[in-house]
Amino acid sequence: MMGQTMSVAPPAMHDENGLLPVLDWHSLDSHSPLYPYFAHVYFGGADLFLSKADVTAFVGAFSDQVAYEGNEMDAFDVDAGFEALASESGRPGYVRLLTLIEELGLLVSD
């Protein structure tokens, strides 16, 4: 994956190939920074903890993919968002991948 500081978290939500209704991970180029994350979750991998650097890169790539798919996305303040999500993760300084995806999905509009 993107950073060296990720680790596996306990499952946060079960996904039956409905990873994110606003993005089609099958449309991702296999070289996309998002691809390994979405593939990991899609194929049943456990939730992951992401560092702030990983979250920053993920949010940028996510935003780019949303635009590529012809949708719009409200701004996500990485600093404030990271702090809020990290406080809920149970592991200070890290954010759960599935929680991040869920939050970003709420910002996407068709």
C-alpha atoms as a PDB file:
ATOM      1  CA  MET A   1       0.000   0.000   0.000  1.00  0.00           C
ATOM      2  CA  MET A   2       1.030   3.620   0.031  1.00  0.00           C
ATOM      3  CA  GLY A   3       2.743   4.082   3.389  1.00  0.00           C
ATOM      4  CA  GLN A   4       4.729   1.994   5.746  1.00  0.00           C
ATOM      5  CA  THR A   5       2.715   2.845   8.861  1.00  0.00           C
ATOM      6  CA  MET A   6      -0.533   1.041   8.078  1.00  0.00           C
ATOM      7  CA  SER A   7      -1.664  -1.908  10.133  1.00  0.00           C
ATOM      8  CA  VAL A   8      -4.690  -4.136  10.217  1.00  0.00           C
ATOM      9  CA  ALA A   9      -7.619  -3.041  12.349  1.00  0.00           C
ATOM     10  CA  PRO A  10     -10.501  -5.146  13.599  1.00  0.00           C
ATOM     11  CA  PRO A  11     -13.358  -5.308  11.072  1.00  0.00           C
ATOM     12  CA  ALA A  12     -15.461  -2.147  11.171  1.00  0.00           C
ATOM     13  CA  MET A  13     -18.125  -3.044   8.629  1.00  0.00           C
ATOM     14  CA  HIS A  14     -18.871  -5.969   6.370  1.00  0.00           C
ATOM     15  CA  ASP A  15     -18.987  -5.210   2.674  1.00  0.00           C
ATOM     16  CA  GLU A  16     -20.692  -7.392   0.086  1.00  0.00           C
ATOM     17  CA  ASN A  17     -19.060  -5.842  -2.964  1.00  0.00           C
ATOM     18  CA  GLY A  18     -20.891  -2.581  -2.260  1.00  0.00           C
ATOM     19  CA  LEU A  19     -17.722  -0.876  -1.123  1.00  0.00           C
ATOM     20  CA  LEU A  20     -18.750   2.574  -2.127  1.00  0.00           C
ATOM     21  CA  PRO A  21     -21.803   3.390  -4.193  1.00  0.00           C
ATOM     22  CA  VAL A  22     -20.297   6.599  -5.596  1.00  0.00           C
ATOM     23  CA  LEU A  23     -17.077   5.090  -6.985  1.00  0.00           C
ATOM     24  CA  ASP A  24     -16.651   1.981  -9.073  1.00  0.00           C
ATOM     25  CA  TRP A  25     -13.404   0.413  -7.952  1.00  0.00           C
ATOM     26  CA  HIS A  26     -13.475  -1.808 -11.050  1.00  0.00           C
ATOM     27  CA  SER A  27     -12.968   1.353 -13.119  1.00  0.00           C
ATOM     28  CA  LEU A  28      -9.746   2.184 -11.277  1.00  0.00           C
ATOM     29  CA  ASP A  29      -6.526   1.820 -13.174  1.00  0.00           C
ATOM     30  CA  SER A  30      -4.432  -0.838 -11.448  1.00  0.00           C
ATOM     31  CA  HIS A  31      -1.733   1.831 -10.987  1.00  0.00           C
ATOM     32  CA  SER A  32      -4.114   4.163  -9.136  1.00  0.00           C
ATOM     33  CA  PRO A  33      -3.101   4.873  -5.539  1.00  0.00           C
ATOM     34  CA  LEU A  34      -6.654   3.840  -4.558  1.00  0.00           C
ATOM     35  CA  TYR A  35      -6.553   0.439  -6.238  1.00  0.00           C
ATOM     36  CA  PRO A  36      -4.741  -1.578  -3.548  1.00  0.00           C
ATOM     37  CA  TYR A  37      -6.993  -0.195  -0.831  1.00  0.00           C
ATOM     38  CA  PHE A  38     -10.239  -0.883  -2.674  1.00  0.00           C
ATOM     39  CA  ALA A  39      -9.067  -4.319  -3.813  1.00  0.00           C
ATOM     40  CA  HIS A  40      -8.039  -5.191  -0.243  1.00  0.00           C
ATOM     41  CA  VAL A  41     -11.482  -4.359   1.136  1.00  0.00           C
ATOM     42  CA  TYR A  42     -13.407  -5.727  -1.856  1.00  0.00           C
ATOM     43  CA  PHE A  43     -11.777  -9.130  -1.501  1.00  0.00           C
ATOM     44  CA  GLY A  44     -12.558  -9.365   2.200  1.00  0.00           C
ATOM     45  CA  GLY A  45      -9.485  -7.857   3.815  1.00  0.00           C
ATOM     46  CA  ALA A  46      -9.778  -6.433   7.305  1.00  0.00           C
ATOM     47  CA  ASP A  47     -10.051  -2.712   7.911  1.00  0.00           C
ATOM     48  CA  LEU A  48      -6.736  -0.843   7.943  1.00  0.00           C
ATOM     49  CA  PHE A  49      -5.342   2.014  10.006  1.00  0.00           C
ATOM     50  CA  LEU A  50      -3.899   4.864   7.921  1.00  0.00           C
ATOM     51  CA  SER A  51      -1.406   7.499   9.005  1.00  0.00           C
ATOM     52  CA  LYS A  52      -1.973  11.174   8.221  1.00  0.00           C
ATOM     53  CA  ALA A  53       0.359  10.972   5.203  1.00  0.00           C
ATOM     54  CA  ASP A  54      -1.632   8.014   3.871  1.00  0.00           C
ATOM     55  CA  VAL A  55      -4.919   9.835   4.475  1.00  0.00           C
ATOM     56  CA  THR A  56      -3.653  12.929   2.654  1.00  0.00           C
ATOM     57  CA  ALA A  57      -2.616  10.855  -0.370  1.00  0.00           C
ATOM     58  CA  PHE A  58      -5.837   8.819  -0.294  1.00  0.00           C
ATOM     59  CA  VAL A  59      -8.062  11.916  -0.162  1.00  0.00           C
ATOM     60  CA  GLY A  60      -6.222  13.478  -3.113  1.00  0.00           C
ATOM     61  CA  ALA A  61      -6.517  10.318  -5.203  1.00  0.00           C
ATOM     62  CA  PHE A  62     -10.160   9.860  -4.175  1.00  0.00           C
ATOM     63  CA  SER A  63     -11.002  13.421  -5.198  1.00  0.00           C
ATOM     64  CA  ASP A  64      -9.266  12.909  -8.547  1.00  0.00           C
ATOM     65  CA  GLN A  65     -11.220   9.690  -9.155  1.00  0.00           C
ATOM     66  CA  VAL A  66     -14.521  11.375  -8.303  1.00  0.00           C
ATOM     67  CA  ALA A  67     -13.786  14.084 -10.887  1.00  0.00           C
ATOM     68  CA  TYR A  68     -12.663  11.463 -13.428  1.00  0.00           C
ATOM     69  CA  GLU A  69     -16.004   9.679 -13.019  1.00  0.00           C
ATOM     70  CA  GLY A  70     -17.845  12.950 -13.676  1.00  0.00           C
ATOM     71  CA  ASN A  71     -19.035  13.651 -10.142  1.00  0.00           C
ATOM     72  CA  GLU A  72     -18.406  16.516  -7.769  1.00  0.00           C
ATOM     73  CA  MET A  73     -17.157  16.379  -4.222  1.00  0.00           C
ATOM     74  CA  ASP A  74     -17.362  18.876  -1.378  1.00  0.00           C
ATOM     75  CA  ALA A  75     -14.010  19.832   0.099  1.00  0.00           C
ATOM     76  CA  PHE A  76     -12.532  17.625   2.813  1.00  0.00           C
ATOM     77  CA  ASP A  77     -10.302  19.436   5.303  1.00  0.00           C
ATOM     78  CA  VAL A  78      -7.594  16.821   5.827  1.00  0.00           C
ATOM     79  CA  ASP A  79      -6.291  18.358   9.058  1.00  0.00           C
ATOM     80  CA  ALA A  80      -9.665  18.710  10.782  1.00  0.00           C
ATOM     81  CA  GLY A  81     -11.036  15.526   9.246  1.00  0.00           C
ATOM     82  CA  PHE A  82      -8.012  13.505  10.268  1.00  0.00           C
ATOM     83  CA  GLU A  83      -8.193  14.732  13.859  1.00  0.00           C
ATOM     84  CA  ALA A  84     -11.923  13.977  14.096  1.00  0.00           C
ATOM     85  CA  LEU A  85     -11.631  10.515  12.551  1.00  0.00           C
ATOM     86  CA  ALA A  86      -8.475   9.650  14.505  1.00  0.00           C
ATOM     87  CA  SER A  87     -10.237  10.468  17.768  1.00  0.00           C
ATOM     88  CA  GLU A  88     -12.866   7.837  16.872  1.00  0.00           C
ATOM     89  CA  SER A  89     -10.457   5.168  15.623  1.00  0.00           C
ATOM     90  CA  GLY A  90      -9.352   3.781  18.957  1.00  0.00           C
ATOM     91  CA  ARG A  91      -5.745   4.266  17.892  1.00  0.00           C
ATOM     92  CA  PRO A  92      -4.391   7.818  18.274  1.00  0.00           C
ATOM     93  CA  GLY A  93      -2.684   9.178  15.176  1.00  0.00           C
ATOM     94  CA  TYR A  94      -4.442   6.814  12.778  1.00  0.00           C
ATOM     95  CA  VAL A  95      -7.731   6.674  10.864  1.00  0.00           C
ATOM     96  CA  ARG A  96      -9.676   3.574   9.849  1.00  0.00           C
ATOM     97  CA  LEU A  97      -9.803   3.134   6.073  1.00  0.00           C
ATOM     98  CA  LEU A  98     -13.463   2.113   5.978  1.00  0.00           C
ATOM     99  CA  THR A  99     -14.484   5.097   8.094  1.00  0.00           C
ATOM    100  CA  LEU A 100     -12.537   7.419   5.788  1.00  0.00           C
ATOM    101  CA  ILE A 101     -14.177   5.927   2.694  1.00  0.00           C
ATOM    102  CA  GLU A 102     -17.598   6.265   4.292  1.00  0.00           C
ATOM    103  CA  GLU A 103     -16.990   9.920   5.208  1.00  0.00           C
ATOM    104  CA  LEU A 104     -15.629  10.795   1.765  1.00  0.00           C
ATOM    105  CA  GLY A 105     -18.602   9.098   0.141  1.00  0.00           C
ATOM    106  CA  LEU A 106     -20.911  11.480   1.973  1.00  0.00           C
ATOM    107  CA  LEU A 107     -19.170  14.404   0.274  1.00  0.00           C
ATOM    108  CA  VAL A 108     -19.762  13.136  -3.264  1.00  0.00           C
ATOM    109  CA  SER A 109     -22.681  14.362  -5.357  1.00  0.00           C
ATOM    110  CA  ASP A 110     -23.738  13.331  -8.852  1.00  0.00           C
END
